[in-house]
Amino acid sequence: MNAAEALRSIRYDWLSYIQEKVRVDFDNARQAPVHFTHRARTHLVSDVLGRFRNRDDSGLNGF
């Protein structure tokens, strides 16, 4: 799934957009998240659609 497909899926309520901090298991070797926990459920990260900066004083540290 690319970014355009993901945005279209969010628009039609096929995917949910989570805009909050969640607990993430991160693979330092690959520099990518493996899975995250949201509302007591664990979700596998199959693909990262993009990275963003969530604080002005840091690098790209959000997914």
PDB file of N, CA and C in Angstrom:
ATOM      1  N   MET A   1       0.853  -1.170   0.000  1.00  0.00           N
ATOM      2  CA  MET A   1       0.000   0.000   0.000  1.00  0.00           C
ATOM      3  C   MET A   1       0.901   1.235   0.000  1.00  0.00           C
ATOM      4  N   ASN A   2       0.658   2.154  -0.909  1.00  0.00           N
ATOM      5  CA  ASN A   2       1.426   3.390  -0.905  1.00  0.00           C
ATOM      6  C   ASN A   2       0.656   4.480  -0.159  1.00  0.00           C
ATOM      7  N   ALA A   3       1.243   5.647  -0.058  1.00  0.00           N
ATOM      8  CA  ALA A   3       0.638   6.733   0.718  1.00  0.00           C
ATOM      9  C   ALA A   3      -0.715   7.155   0.144  1.00  0.00           C
ATOM     10  N   ALA A   4      -0.833   7.216  -1.171  1.00  0.00           N
ATOM     11  CA  ALA A   4      -2.109   7.618  -1.790  1.00  0.00           C
ATOM     12  C   ALA A   4      -3.224   6.624  -1.464  1.00  0.00           C
ATOM     13  N   GLU A   5      -2.914   5.335  -1.529  1.00  0.00           N
ATOM     14  CA  GLU A   5      -3.910   4.310  -1.187  1.00  0.00           C
ATOM     15  C   GLU A   5      -4.299   4.391   0.279  1.00  0.00           C
ATOM     16  N   ALA A   6      -3.325   4.649   1.146  1.00  0.00           N
ATOM     17  CA  ALA A   6      -3.611   4.769   2.578  1.00  0.00           C
ATOM     18  C   ALA A   6      -4.518   5.964   2.850  1.00  0.00           C
ATOM     19  N   LEU A   7      -4.221   7.094   2.239  1.00  0.00           N
ATOM     20  CA  LEU A   7      -5.065   8.281   2.440  1.00  0.00           C
ATOM     21  C   LEU A   7      -6.473   8.051   1.912  1.00  0.00           C
ATOM     22  N   ARG A   8      -6.596   7.388   0.791  1.00  0.00           N
ATOM     23  CA  ARG A   8      -7.914   7.069   0.242  1.00  0.00           C
ATOM     24  C   ARG A   8      -8.669   6.128   1.185  1.00  0.00           C
ATOM     25  N   SER A   9      -7.971   5.157   1.754  1.00  0.00           N
ATOM     26  CA  SER A   9      -8.595   4.220   2.690  1.00  0.00           C
ATOM     27  C   SER A   9      -9.060   4.920   3.957  1.00  0.00           C
ATOM     28  N   ILE A  10      -8.283   5.885   4.434  1.00  0.00           N
ATOM     29  CA  ILE A  10      -8.696   6.672   5.602  1.00  0.00           C
ATOM     30  C   ILE A  10      -9.947   7.473   5.264  1.00  0.00           C
ATOM     31  N   ARG A  11      -9.961   8.060   4.080  1.00  0.00           N
ATOM     32  CA  ARG A  11     -11.111   8.872   3.648  1.00  0.00           C
ATOM     33  C   ARG A  11     -12.408   8.061   3.651  1.00  0.00           C
ATOM     34  N   TYR A  12     -12.329   6.793   3.220  1.00  0.00           N
ATOM     35  CA  TYR A  12     -13.525   5.948   3.152  1.00  0.00           C
ATOM     36  C   TYR A  12     -13.717   5.090   4.400  1.00  0.00           C
ATOM     37  N   ASP A  13     -13.002   5.430   5.485  1.00  0.00           N
ATOM     38  CA  ASP A  13     -13.128   4.744   6.777  1.00  0.00           C
ATOM     39  C   ASP A  13     -12.744   3.269   6.722  1.00  0.00           C
ATOM     40  N   TRP A  14     -11.841   2.899   5.811  1.00  0.00           N
ATOM     41  CA  TRP A  14     -11.325   1.529   5.766  1.00  0.00           C
ATOM     42  C   TRP A  14     -10.113   1.387   6.676  1.00  0.00           C
ATOM     43  N   LEU A  15      -9.461   2.493   6.992  1.00  0.00           N
ATOM     44  CA  LEU A  15      -8.332   2.549   7.920  1.00  0.00           C
ATOM     45  C   LEU A  15      -8.595   3.648   8.927  1.00  0.00           C
ATOM     46  N   SER A  16      -7.987   3.520  10.089  1.00  0.00           N
ATOM     47  CA  SER A  16      -8.104   4.556  11.117  1.00  0.00           C
ATOM     48  C   SER A  16      -6.778   5.292  11.248  1.00  0.00           C
ATOM     49  N   TYR A  17      -6.851   6.594  11.339  1.00  0.00           N
ATOM     50  CA  TYR A  17      -5.677   7.435  11.527  1.00  0.00           C
ATOM     51  C   TYR A  17      -5.525   7.701  13.018  1.00  0.00           C
ATOM     52  N   ILE A  18      -4.390   7.326  13.589  1.00  0.00           N
ATOM     53  CA  ILE A  18      -4.133   7.509  15.020  1.00  0.00           C
ATOM     54  C   ILE A  18      -3.160   8.667  15.165  1.00  0.00           C
ATOM     55  N   GLN A  19      -3.604   9.737  15.780  1.00  0.00           N
ATOM     56  CA  GLN A  19      -2.732  10.884  15.990  1.00  0.00           C
ATOM     57  C   GLN A  19      -2.514  11.060  17.491  1.00  0.00           C
ATOM     58  N   GLU A  20      -1.790  10.112  18.060  1.00  0.00           N
ATOM     59  CA  GLU A  20      -1.461  10.172  19.471  1.00  0.00           C
ATOM     60  C   GLU A  20      -0.231   9.302  19.713  1.00  0.00           C
ATOM     61  N   LYS A  21       0.389   9.496  20.840  1.00  0.00           N
ATOM     62  CA  LYS A  21       1.542   8.680  21.184  1.00  0.00           C
ATOM     63  C   LYS A  21       1.090   7.265  21.490  1.00  0.00           C
ATOM     64  N   VAL A  22       1.830   6.299  20.962  1.00  0.00           N
ATOM     65  CA  VAL A  22       1.555   4.890  21.243  1.00  0.00           C
ATOM     66  C   VAL A  22       2.870   4.214  21.597  1.00  0.00           C
ATOM     67  N   ARG A  23       2.787   3.112  22.289  1.00  0.00           N
ATOM     68  CA  ARG A  23       3.970   2.338  22.655  1.00  0.00           C
ATOM     69  C   ARG A  23       4.409   1.534  21.432  1.00  0.00           C
ATOM     70  N   VAL A  24       5.697   1.653  21.050  1.00  0.00           N
ATOM     71  CA  VAL A  24       6.208   1.037  19.822  1.00  0.00           C
ATOM     72  C   VAL A  24       7.411   0.160  20.127  1.00  0.00           C
ATOM     73  N   ASP A  25       7.422  -1.053  19.541  1.00  0.00           N
ATOM     74  CA  ASP A  25       8.600  -1.910  19.567  1.00  0.00           C
ATOM     75  C   ASP A  25       9.387  -1.573  18.309  1.00  0.00           C
ATOM     76  N   PHE A  26      10.626  -1.081  18.485  1.00  0.00           N
ATOM     77  CA  PHE A  26      11.420  -0.534  17.390  1.00  0.00           C
ATOM     78  C   PHE A  26      12.638  -1.415  17.124  1.00  0.00           C
ATOM     79  N   ASP A  27      12.911  -1.727  15.869  1.00  0.00           N
ATOM     80  CA  ASP A  27      14.086  -2.498  15.462  1.00  0.00           C
ATOM     81  C   ASP A  27      15.197  -1.506  15.108  1.00  0.00           C
ATOM     82  N   ASN A  28      16.204  -1.396  15.974  1.00  0.00           N
ATOM     83  CA  ASN A  28      17.281  -0.431  15.755  1.00  0.00           C
ATOM     84  C   ASN A  28      18.134  -0.774  14.538  1.00  0.00           C
ATOM     85  N   ALA A  29      18.302  -2.041  14.240  1.00  0.00           N
ATOM     86  CA  ALA A  29      19.119  -2.434  13.089  1.00  0.00           C
ATOM     87  C   ALA A  29      18.484  -1.976  11.774  1.00  0.00           C
ATOM     88  N   ARG A  30      17.176  -2.141  11.650  1.00  0.00           N
ATOM     89  CA  ARG A  30      16.470  -1.727  10.426  1.00  0.00           C
ATOM     90  C   ARG A  30      15.999  -0.277  10.489  1.00  0.00           C
ATOM     91  N   GLN A  31      16.073   0.331  11.685  1.00  0.00           N
ATOM     92  CA  GLN A  31      15.579   1.694  11.899  1.00  0.00           C
ATOM     93  C   GLN A  31      14.106   1.812  11.504  1.00  0.00           C
ATOM     94  N   ALA A  32      13.310   0.860  11.996  1.00  0.00           N
ATOM     95  CA  ALA A  32      11.893   0.830  11.662  1.00  0.00           C
ATOM     96  C   ALA A  32      11.091   0.235  12.815  1.00  0.00           C
ATOM     97  N   PRO A  33       9.829   0.672  12.970  1.00  0.00           N
ATOM     98  CA  PRO A  33       8.961   0.073  13.986  1.00  0.00           C
ATOM     99  C   PRO A  33       8.528  -1.329  13.583  1.00  0.00           C
ATOM    100  N   VAL A  34       8.380  -2.211  14.576  1.00  0.00           N
ATOM    101  CA  VAL A  34       7.969  -3.593  14.328  1.00  0.00           C
ATOM    102  C   VAL A  34       6.479  -3.762  14.625  1.00  0.00           C
ATOM    103  N   HIS A  35       6.056  -3.308  15.796  1.00  0.00           N
ATOM    104  CA  HIS A  35       4.636  -3.318  16.145  1.00  0.00           C
ATOM    105  C   HIS A  35       4.383  -2.228  17.177  1.00  0.00           C
ATOM    106  N   PHE A  36       3.103  -1.896  17.373  1.00  0.00           N
ATOM    107  CA  PHE A  36       2.733  -0.881  18.346  1.00  0.00           C
ATOM    108  C   PHE A  36       1.496  -1.324  19.102  1.00  0.00           C
ATOM    109  N   THR A  37       1.296  -0.715  20.270  1.00  0.00           N
ATOM    110  CA  THR A  37       0.145  -1.026  21.116  1.00  0.00           C
ATOM    111  C   THR A  37      -0.744   0.207  21.204  1.00  0.00           C
ATOM    112  N   HIS A  38      -2.021   0.006  20.900  1.00  0.00           N
ATOM    113  CA  HIS A  38      -3.014   1.089  20.972  1.00  0.00           C
ATOM    114  C   HIS A  38      -4.279   0.539  21.596  1.00  0.00           C
ATOM    115  N   ARG A  39      -4.703   1.172  22.667  1.00  0.00           N
ATOM    116  CA  ARG A  39      -5.911   0.747  23.403  1.00  0.00           C
ATOM    117  C   ARG A  39      -5.869  -0.740  23.759  1.00  0.00           C
ATOM    118  N   ALA A  40      -4.726  -1.144  24.319  1.00  0.00           N
ATOM    119  CA  ALA A  40      -4.501  -2.504  24.839  1.00  0.00           C
ATOM    120  C   ALA A  40      -4.478  -3.582  23.759  1.00  0.00           C
ATOM    121  N   ARG A  41      -4.356  -3.181  22.488  1.00  0.00           N
ATOM    122  CA  ARG A  41      -4.235  -4.155  21.406  1.00  0.00           C
ATOM    123  C   ARG A  41      -2.913  -3.917  20.681  1.00  0.00           C
ATOM    124  N   THR A  42      -2.222  -4.992  20.339  1.00  0.00           N
ATOM    125  CA  THR A  42      -0.951  -4.900  19.637  1.00  0.00           C
ATOM    126  C   THR A  42      -1.185  -5.073  18.141  1.00  0.00           C
ATOM    127  N   HIS A  43      -0.577  -4.190  17.343  1.00  0.00           N
ATOM    128  CA  HIS A  43      -0.743  -4.193  15.889  1.00  0.00           C
ATOM    129  C   HIS A  43       0.621  -4.308  15.221  1.00  0.00           C
ATOM    130  N   LEU A  44       0.739  -5.189  14.243  1.00  0.00           N
ATOM    131  CA  LEU A  44       1.956  -5.382  13.483  1.00  0.00           C
ATOM    132  C   LEU A  44       2.105  -4.245  12.469  1.00  0.00           C
ATOM    133  N   VAL A  45       3.308  -3.706  12.345  1.00  0.00           N
ATOM    134  CA  VAL A  45       3.586  -2.671  11.346  1.00  0.00           C
ATOM    135  C   VAL A  45       4.086  -3.383  10.094  1.00  0.00           C
ATOM    136  N   SER A  46       3.296  -3.360   9.040  1.00  0.00           N
ATOM    137  CA  SER A  46       3.689  -4.044   7.811  1.00  0.00           C
ATOM    138  C   SER A  46       4.443  -3.120   6.866  1.00  0.00           C
ATOM    139  N   ASP A  47       4.180  -1.817   6.938  1.00  0.00           N
ATOM    140  CA  ASP A  47       4.842  -0.875   6.049  1.00  0.00           C
ATOM    141  C   ASP A  47       4.794   0.516   6.677  1.00  0.00           C
ATOM    142  N   VAL A  48       5.863   1.268   6.521  1.00  0.00           N
ATOM    143  CA  VAL A  48       5.901   2.654   6.997  1.00  0.00           C
ATOM    144  C   VAL A  48       5.596   3.543   5.805  1.00  0.00           C
ATOM    145  N   LEU A  49       4.529   4.317   5.902  1.00  0.00           N
ATOM    146  CA  LEU A  49       4.121   5.178   4.789  1.00  0.00           C
ATOM    147  C   LEU A  49       4.903   6.482   4.750  1.00  0.00           C
ATOM    148  N   GLY A  50       5.432   6.891   5.887  1.00  0.00           N
ATOM    149  CA  GLY A  50       6.204   8.120   5.915  1.00  0.00           C
ATOM    150  C   GLY A  50       6.712   8.412   7.309  1.00  0.00           C
ATOM    151  N   ARG A  51       7.655   9.330   7.372  1.00  0.00           N
ATOM    152  CA  ARG A  51       8.212   9.778   8.652  1.00  0.00           C
ATOM    153  C   ARG A  51       7.959  11.263   8.785  1.00  0.00           C
ATOM    154  N   PHE A  52       7.846  11.744  10.014  1.00  0.00           N
ATOM    155  CA  PHE A  52       7.632  13.167  10.235  1.00  0.00           C
ATOM    156  C   PHE A  52       8.296  13.584  11.534  1.00  0.00           C
ATOM    157  N   ARG A  53       8.417  14.854  11.710  1.00  0.00           N
ATOM    158  CA  ARG A  53       9.009  15.430  12.913  1.00  0.00           C
ATOM    159  C   ARG A  53       7.878  15.809  13.851  1.00  0.00           C
ATOM    160  N   ASN A  54       7.934  15.335  15.093  1.00  0.00           N
ATOM    161  CA  ASN A  54       6.875  15.701  16.031  1.00  0.00           C
ATOM    162  C   ASN A  54       7.342  16.745  17.051  1.00  0.00           C
ATOM    163  N   ARG A  55       8.613  17.143  16.962  1.00  0.00           N
ATOM    164  CA  ARG A  55       9.116  18.252  17.781  1.00  0.00           C
ATOM    165  C   ARG A  55      10.078  19.060  16.926  1.00  0.00           C
ATOM    166  N   ASP A  56      10.076  20.362  17.086  1.00  0.00           N
ATOM    167  CA  ASP A  56      10.933  21.237  16.280  1.00  0.00           C
ATOM    168  C   ASP A  56      12.408  21.015  16.529  1.00  0.00           C
ATOM    169  N   ASP A  57      12.777  20.596  17.738  1.00  0.00           N
ATOM    170  CA  ASP A  57      14.185  20.465  18.101  1.00  0.00           C
ATOM    171  C   ASP A  57      14.763  19.082  17.857  1.00  0.00           C
ATOM    172  N   SER A  58      14.050  18.209  17.127  1.00  0.00           N
ATOM    173  CA  SER A  58      14.536  16.850  16.891  1.00  0.00           C
ATOM    174  C   SER A  58      14.415  16.500  15.405  1.00  0.00           C
ATOM    175  N   GLY A  59      14.983  15.369  15.050  1.00  0.00           N
ATOM    176  CA  GLY A  59      14.909  14.899  13.673  1.00  0.00           C
ATOM    177  C   GLY A  59      13.577  14.250  13.376  1.00  0.00           C
ATOM    178  N   LEU A  60      13.531  13.494  12.293  1.00  0.00           N
ATOM    179  CA  LEU A  60      12.310  12.783  11.925  1.00  0.00           C
ATOM    180  C   LEU A  60      12.150  11.606  12.863  1.00  0.00           C
ATOM    181  N   ASN A  61      11.234  11.723  13.808  1.00  0.00           N
ATOM    182  CA  ASN A  61      11.082  10.691  14.831  1.00  0.00           C
ATOM    183  C   ASN A  61       9.659  10.181  14.969  1.00  0.00           C
ATOM    184  N   GLY A  62       8.811  10.477  14.029  1.00  0.00           N
ATOM    185  CA  GLY A  62       7.442   9.963  14.030  1.00  0.00           C
ATOM    186  C   GLY A  62       7.186   9.157  12.773  1.00  0.00           C
ATOM    187  N   PHE A  63       6.205   8.262  12.820  1.00  0.00           N
ATOM    188  CA  PHE A  63       5.891   7.406  11.673  1.00  0.00           C
ATOM    189  C   PHE A  63       4.424   7.493  11.353  1.00  0.00           C
TER     190      PHE A  63
END
